[in-house]
Protein backbone atom coordinates (compact mmCIF):
# COMPACT_ATOMS: atom_id res chain seq x y z
CA MET A 1 150.79 87.61 150.46
CA PHE A 2 149.23 84.23 151.20
CA PRO A 3 146.50 83.51 153.74
CA ASN A 4 146.81 81.71 157.03
CA PRO A 5 143.83 79.37 156.78
CA ALA A 6 142.21 77.69 159.73
CA THR A 7 141.21 74.39 158.19
CA THR A 8 138.14 72.55 159.38
CA GLY A 9 136.81 69.00 159.15
CA SER A 10 133.90 67.47 157.28
CA GLY A 11 131.04 69.85 156.71
CA ARG A 12 132.97 72.91 157.76
CA ARG A 13 134.87 75.59 155.90
CA SER A 14 138.29 77.15 155.86
CA ARG A 15 138.82 80.30 153.89
CA LEU A 16 142.08 81.39 152.37
CA VAL A 17 142.51 85.13 152.26
CA ALA A 18 143.84 85.16 148.75
CA PHE A 19 142.51 85.38 145.27
CA ALA A 20 143.75 88.67 143.82
CA ALA A 21 142.00 88.25 140.50
CA ALA A 22 138.67 87.40 138.88
CA LEU A 23 137.16 86.93 135.46
CA SER A 24 134.96 89.53 133.75
CA VAL A 25 131.31 88.67 133.69
CA ALA A 26 131.22 88.66 129.92
CA LEU A 27 133.77 85.86 129.84
CA ILE A 28 132.53 83.46 132.48
CA GLY A 29 129.86 80.84 132.38
CA CYS A 30 128.42 77.79 133.98
CA SER A 31 127.77 74.22 132.95
CA ALA A 32 124.03 74.65 132.43
CA THR A 33 122.37 74.12 129.08
CA ALA A 34 120.56 77.10 127.59
CA ALA A 35 116.77 77.20 127.86
CA PRO A 36 114.17 79.63 126.49
CA ALA A 37 112.30 82.11 128.64
CA GLN A 38 109.45 80.42 130.47
CA THR A 39 107.05 80.67 133.38
CA THR A 40 107.46 77.94 135.97
CA THR A 41 105.24 76.77 138.79
CA GLY A 42 105.26 74.06 141.45
CA GLY A 43 104.83 73.61 145.18
CA SER A 44 106.44 74.05 148.62
CA PRO A 45 105.76 75.50 152.07
CA PRO A 46 105.00 79.23 152.03
CA ALA A 47 107.49 81.89 153.02
CA THR A 48 106.68 84.82 155.27
CA PRO A 49 105.47 87.84 153.24
CA ILE A 50 107.64 90.96 153.37
CA SER A 51 106.28 93.82 155.45
CA THR A 52 106.37 97.31 154.03
CA GLY A 53 106.09 100.68 155.64
CA SER A 54 107.40 104.22 155.45
CA ALA A 55 110.94 105.00 156.51
CA GLY A 56 111.68 101.28 156.79
CA LEU A 57 109.33 100.88 159.77
CA PRO A 58 107.04 97.85 160.09
CA GLY A 59 103.84 98.31 158.17
CA PRO A 60 100.97 96.28 156.80
CA VAL A 61 101.86 93.12 154.93
CA VAL A 62 101.30 93.74 151.23
CA GLU A 63 101.04 90.62 149.07
CA PRO A 64 103.00 91.16 145.82
CA THR A 65 101.28 90.86 142.47
CA GLY A 66 102.12 91.29 138.79
CA THR A 67 104.88 89.85 136.63
CA ILE A 68 108.64 89.73 137.17
CA THR A 69 111.45 88.37 134.98
CA LEU A 70 114.33 86.27 136.28
CA TYR A 71 117.63 86.00 134.41
CA THR A 72 119.54 82.98 135.69
CA SER A 73 122.36 80.54 134.99
CA VAL A 74 121.27 78.14 137.73
CA THR A 75 120.42 74.54 136.83
CA GLN A 76 116.91 73.96 135.49
CA ALA A 77 115.75 71.58 138.23
CA THR A 78 116.71 74.07 140.94
CA VAL A 79 115.05 77.01 139.18
CA ASP A 80 111.88 74.96 138.64
CA ALA A 81 111.73 73.87 142.27
CA VAL A 82 112.21 77.36 143.71
CA ALA A 83 109.92 79.00 141.16
CA GLY A 84 107.21 76.48 141.99
CA GLY A 85 107.53 77.06 145.71
CA PHE A 86 107.44 80.81 145.20
CA HIS A 87 104.26 80.49 143.11
CA ASP A 88 102.56 78.60 145.94
CA ALA A 89 103.70 81.19 148.48
CA HIS A 90 102.82 84.18 146.27
CA PRO A 91 100.21 83.07 143.71
CA GLY A 92 99.57 86.64 142.60
CA VAL A 93 103.01 86.89 140.98
CA THR A 94 103.88 85.50 137.54
CA LEU A 95 107.55 84.62 137.17
CA ASP A 96 109.04 84.64 133.67
CA VAL A 97 112.41 82.90 133.40
CA PHE A 98 115.31 83.29 131.00
CA ARG A 99 117.86 80.58 131.80
CA ALA A 100 121.16 80.07 129.98
CA PRO A 101 124.89 79.64 130.63
CA THR A 102 126.46 82.64 132.33
CA ALA A 103 128.07 83.98 129.16
CA GLU A 104 124.69 84.00 127.41
CA VAL A 105 123.00 85.67 130.38
CA ALA A 106 125.77 88.29 130.30
CA ALA A 107 125.17 88.82 126.59
CA ARG A 108 121.43 89.28 127.20
CA ILE A 109 122.15 91.83 129.92
CA ALA A 110 124.59 93.71 127.66
CA THR A 111 121.98 93.82 124.91
CA ASP A 112 119.37 95.13 127.35
CA LEU A 113 121.68 97.85 128.62
CA ALA A 114 122.53 98.93 125.10
CA SER A 115 118.87 99.19 124.15
CA GLY A 116 117.22 101.07 126.97
CA GLY A 117 117.87 99.25 130.22
CA LEU A 118 117.96 95.92 132.01
CA ARG A 119 114.70 94.02 131.49
CA ALA A 120 115.25 91.56 134.31
CA ASP A 121 113.83 92.13 137.78
CA VAL A 122 116.03 89.51 139.47
CA LEU A 123 119.46 88.06 138.67
CA TRP A 124 120.37 84.61 140.02
CA LEU A 125 123.83 83.62 138.84
CA THR A 126 126.39 80.87 139.34
CA ASP A 127 129.15 82.65 141.24
CA PRO A 128 129.86 86.03 142.86
CA LEU A 129 132.31 87.09 140.16
CA SER A 130 129.50 86.97 137.61
CA ILE A 131 127.40 89.49 139.47
CA ALA A 132 129.96 91.84 141.04
CA ALA A 133 130.34 94.01 137.94
CA TYR A 134 126.59 94.70 137.91
CA ALA A 135 126.77 95.80 141.53
CA ASP A 136 129.65 98.11 140.63
CA GLN A 137 127.49 99.66 137.91
CA GLY A 138 124.73 100.42 140.42
CA LEU A 139 122.30 98.01 138.75
CA LEU A 140 121.44 96.05 141.89
CA GLN A 141 119.25 97.07 144.79
CA ALA A 142 121.02 97.70 148.09
CA TRP A 143 118.87 96.25 150.88
CA THR A 144 118.72 93.54 153.52
CA PRO A 145 116.22 90.75 152.86
CA PRO A 146 114.65 89.49 156.10
CA SER A 147 115.98 85.97 155.45
CA ALA A 148 119.56 87.17 154.85
CA ALA A 149 120.24 87.23 158.58
CA ALA A 150 120.70 83.45 158.52
CA ILE A 151 123.43 83.62 155.84
CA ASP A 152 127.11 83.69 156.76
CA ALA A 153 128.52 87.18 156.16
CA ALA A 154 131.14 85.65 153.84
CA TYR A 155 128.33 84.72 151.44
CA ARG A 156 126.55 88.06 151.09
CA THR A 157 127.06 91.74 150.35
CA ASP A 158 124.66 94.67 150.59
CA THR A 159 123.33 93.94 147.08
CA PHE A 160 123.69 90.19 146.41
CA PHE A 161 123.22 87.15 148.60
CA GLY A 162 124.37 83.53 148.45
CA THR A 163 121.76 80.87 147.81
CA ARG A 164 123.76 77.62 147.53
CA LEU A 165 127.34 76.35 147.53
CA LEU A 166 129.06 74.67 144.59
CA ASN A 167 132.08 72.53 145.49
CA MET A 168 134.90 72.04 142.98
CA VAL A 169 136.28 68.54 143.50
CA MET A 170 138.10 65.82 141.55
CA ILE A 171 136.79 62.65 139.94
CA ARG A 172 138.38 59.46 138.66
CA GLY A 173 137.22 56.50 136.65
CA THR A 174 136.31 53.59 138.91
CA ALA A 175 139.03 51.50 137.24
CA VAL A 176 141.68 54.15 137.94
CA LYS A 177 143.57 52.93 141.01
CA PRO A 178 145.14 54.47 142.87
CA GLY A 179 143.31 57.69 142.18
CA PRO A 180 144.43 61.20 143.12
CA ALA A 181 144.04 62.29 146.74
CA ASP A 182 144.80 66.01 146.41
CA TRP A 183 145.07 68.61 143.66
CA LYS A 184 148.80 68.21 143.02
CA ASP A 185 148.30 64.52 142.32
CA LEU A 186 146.85 65.59 138.96
CA LEU A 187 150.47 66.35 138.00
CA SER A 188 151.50 62.71 138.38
CA ALA A 189 153.03 60.97 135.38
CA ASP A 190 150.43 58.25 136.01
CA TYR A 191 147.84 60.63 134.54
CA ARG A 192 149.90 62.07 131.69
CA GLY A 193 147.54 63.08 128.90
CA GLN A 194 144.53 61.85 130.92
CA VAL A 195 143.47 64.92 132.96
CA ALA A 196 140.41 67.03 132.03
CA LEU A 197 139.84 70.61 133.23
CA PRO A 198 136.85 72.94 132.69
CA ASP A 199 137.48 76.23 130.89
CA PRO A 200 137.57 79.25 133.26
CA GLY A 201 136.64 81.41 130.29
CA PHE A 202 133.27 79.61 130.18
CA ALA A 203 132.54 78.24 133.65
CA GLY A 204 132.42 80.57 136.64
CA SER A 205 133.19 77.66 138.94
CA ALA A 206 136.35 76.90 136.95
CA PHE A 207 137.39 80.52 137.18
CA ALA A 208 136.93 80.50 140.94
CA ALA A 209 139.25 77.50 141.07
CA LEU A 210 141.76 79.34 138.88
CA GLY A 211 141.66 82.34 141.21
CA TYR A 212 142.07 80.15 144.26
CA PHE A 213 145.07 78.31 142.85
CA ASN A 214 146.57 81.58 141.59
CA GLU A 215 147.27 82.72 145.13
CA ALA A 216 147.40 79.46 147.08
CA ASP A 217 150.80 78.63 148.52
CA GLY A 218 152.60 76.11 146.36
CA TYR A 219 150.26 76.44 143.36
CA GLY A 220 150.00 79.69 141.37
CA ALA A 221 150.41 79.86 137.61
CA ALA A 222 153.09 77.17 137.89
CA PHE A 223 150.37 74.66 138.78
CA TYR A 224 148.57 75.30 135.49
CA ARG A 225 151.82 75.22 133.52
CA ALA A 226 152.62 71.86 135.07
CA LEU A 227 149.12 70.58 134.21
CA LYS A 228 149.64 71.68 130.62
CA ASP A 229 153.09 70.08 130.52
CA ASN A 230 151.50 66.86 131.81
CA GLY A 231 149.13 66.85 128.85
CA ALA A 232 145.96 68.07 130.60
CA THR A 233 143.05 68.82 128.26
CA GLN A 234 140.76 71.84 128.59
CA VAL A 235 137.09 71.08 127.92
CA LYS A 236 134.18 73.48 128.15
CA ALA A 237 132.23 72.88 131.36
CA PRO A 238 132.40 70.75 134.52
CA ASP A 239 129.73 68.44 133.08
CA ASP A 240 132.02 67.86 130.09
CA VAL A 241 134.76 66.75 132.47
CA THR A 242 132.36 64.35 134.17
CA THR A 243 131.19 62.92 130.85
CA GLY A 244 134.73 62.55 129.54
CA VAL A 245 135.89 60.60 132.59
CA ALA A 246 132.74 58.45 132.57
CA GLU A 247 133.32 57.59 128.91
CA GLY A 248 136.95 56.70 129.55
CA ARG A 249 138.41 59.51 127.45
CA PHE A 250 140.13 60.83 130.58
CA ALA A 251 141.27 59.07 133.74
CA VAL A 252 140.76 61.96 136.17
CA GLY A 253 139.48 65.51 136.18
CA MET A 254 138.24 68.60 138.00
CA THR A 255 134.46 69.06 138.26
CA LEU A 256 131.60 70.06 140.59
CA ASP A 257 130.41 67.67 143.27
CA ASN A 258 126.81 68.02 142.05
CA SER A 259 127.84 67.00 138.53
CA ALA A 260 129.72 63.98 139.86
CA ARG A 261 126.93 62.91 142.23
CA THR A 262 124.32 63.19 139.50
CA ALA A 263 126.37 61.03 137.14
CA ILE A 264 127.05 58.44 139.84
CA ARG A 265 123.32 58.17 140.62
CA LYS A 266 122.76 57.41 136.94
CA GLY A 267 125.31 54.62 137.03
CA SER A 268 128.35 56.33 135.51
CA PRO A 269 131.61 54.49 136.30
CA ILE A 270 133.25 57.36 138.17
CA ALA A 271 134.19 58.10 141.77
CA LEU A 272 134.10 61.47 143.51
CA VAL A 273 137.38 62.49 145.15
CA TRP A 274 137.22 65.18 147.85
CA PRO A 275 140.70 66.79 147.90
CA THR A 276 142.45 66.40 151.22
CA SER A 277 143.43 70.09 151.26
CA GLY A 278 139.85 71.11 150.53
CA ALA A 279 137.16 71.36 147.90
CA ILE A 280 136.79 74.89 146.53
CA ALA A 281 133.43 76.23 147.74
CA ILE A 282 131.73 78.85 145.54
CA TYR A 283 128.50 80.65 146.46
CA SER A 284 125.75 81.28 143.92
CA PRO A 285 124.31 84.82 144.37
CA ILE A 286 120.87 86.32 143.84
CA ALA A 287 119.96 90.04 143.61
CA ALA A 288 117.04 92.32 142.87
CA VAL A 289 117.52 94.79 140.03
CA ALA A 290 117.33 98.35 141.36
CA ALA A 291 115.34 99.65 138.36
CA SER A 292 112.76 96.86 138.50
CA GLY A 293 109.26 98.00 137.69
CA ASN A 294 107.91 95.62 140.33
CA LEU A 295 110.43 95.75 143.13
CA ALA A 296 107.99 94.40 145.74
CA ALA A 297 107.60 91.16 143.79
CA ALA A 298 111.32 91.01 142.95
CA ASP A 299 112.22 91.40 146.61
CA SER A 300 109.72 88.73 147.55
CA PHE A 301 111.35 86.25 145.17
CA VAL A 302 114.84 87.03 146.49
CA ASP A 303 113.70 86.65 150.09
CA TYR A 304 111.81 83.44 149.36
CA THR A 305 114.93 81.91 147.78
CA LEU A 306 116.91 82.76 150.91
CA SER A 307 114.18 81.59 153.31
CA LEU A 308 114.20 78.15 154.92
CA PRO A 309 111.50 76.84 152.53
CA GLY A 310 113.50 78.10 149.55
CA GLN A 311 116.72 76.67 150.94
CA ALA A 312 115.03 73.31 151.50
CA LEU A 313 114.01 73.23 147.84
CA ILE A 314 117.57 74.03 146.77
CA ALA A 315 118.87 71.24 149.01
CA GLY A 316 116.32 68.89 147.49
CA THR A 317 117.83 69.40 144.04
CA GLY A 318 121.25 68.24 145.18
CA TRP A 319 123.01 71.47 146.18
CA GLN A 320 124.42 72.52 149.54
CA PRO A 321 122.19 75.33 150.88
CA VAL A 322 123.84 78.35 152.47
CA ALA A 323 121.36 78.23 155.36
CA GLY A 324 119.41 75.43 156.97
CA PRO A 325 119.80 71.66 156.83
CA GLY A 326 119.84 69.28 153.90
CA GLY A 327 121.82 68.90 150.73
CA PRO A 328 124.57 66.42 149.94
CA GLU A 329 127.04 65.10 152.46
CA ILE A 330 130.13 67.30 152.67
CA GLY A 331 133.14 65.06 152.19
CA GLY A 332 135.83 67.06 153.97
CA VAL A 333 137.45 70.48 154.19
CA GLN A 334 136.02 73.39 152.16
CA VAL A 335 138.15 76.38 151.15
CA SER A 336 137.07 79.62 149.51
CA PRO A 337 138.79 82.63 147.99
CA ASP A 338 138.54 86.04 149.59
CA TRP A 339 135.77 87.19 147.26
CA ALA A 340 136.08 90.88 148.15
CA ALA A 341 139.72 90.80 147.09
CA ALA A 342 138.77 89.02 143.88
CA PHE A 343 136.62 91.66 142.26
CA GLY A 344 138.15 93.96 139.69
CA THR A 345 141.15 92.29 138.05
CA GLN A 346 139.39 89.60 136.03
CA ARG A 347 140.92 90.12 132.61
CA GLU A 348 144.52 89.90 133.76
CA LEU A 349 144.06 86.48 135.33
CA LEU A 350 142.24 85.06 132.32
CA ALA A 351 144.96 86.43 130.03
CA ALA A 352 147.62 84.66 132.12
CA TYR A 353 145.65 81.42 131.92
CA ARG A 354 145.17 81.77 128.15
CA ALA A 355 148.91 82.21 127.74
CA ILE A 356 149.23 78.65 129.09
CA PHE A 357 146.18 76.81 127.72
CA GLY A 358 145.16 79.07 124.83
CA GLY A 359 141.53 79.30 123.77
């Protein structure tokens, strides 16, 4: 059954109640480049400390201390900015960071679980499909951060909470005229053999797009078959699409708005195309690990990231925050899958995609 979306204009959202499939966390990834574990610091306005007390009642404010470890697939500049602001707000806490593409974070988590337990205190991942399996395993703390009240209910659960929005859009080379206006224009004979797509088996954002198209009226698996028949090329990550179009190896492609904007600022000869039917908006979730040995500090980091100071830092690194002002200009309609309906049938959808594109 397909959704009945209520589309909105620039800067607003429309959600399609669709998306009956999602990719397993071990198979998805993001476009970030791997980085070693590190401790990061910086500066920003302070967040309000979390109050503690028995039975959930207000109690004395206890400033967190000690060391916590963050596992994340979020871009380095964003992690650095938020980690620095958190250090200024809570100087008694040392934050160690392991940052890598989602598939590598998933592998680290699997290794931890096979050898005694998850060593992270906080998970901050690219998309909700990456984190849902951990919630299902009872690995994430169920709670309500004070700052979560400002977040749209569509972007949070009782264990993980959206921090920013990633928008899947199209790009074209500046010399490609006319360019595509909507997703189905990628099927035009004008772009035969010149379309680049990110791999949903690597990039969580690409998988979210796959899930959206799988149930969207007039798309489905037939859309991907038609892309393949038109000579579309699968690359690894959204950044690879952006680079390929900028270098002239492809005429058009599907990528993230942040990737496109960053390349344009650096002078790349590409243009961002906001699809007329809507960019696919994907929220990037954060969660505290239930078995953390320093849950007070872990909770403080989660809440700081969701707070207005944390959201301002996220916006300052080029992403659309889930709460508060700032971030890039939204170029039109945004659509999102029904995330709750997405969890649980990941492998089947990826298998159907692989039957078309291989890999």
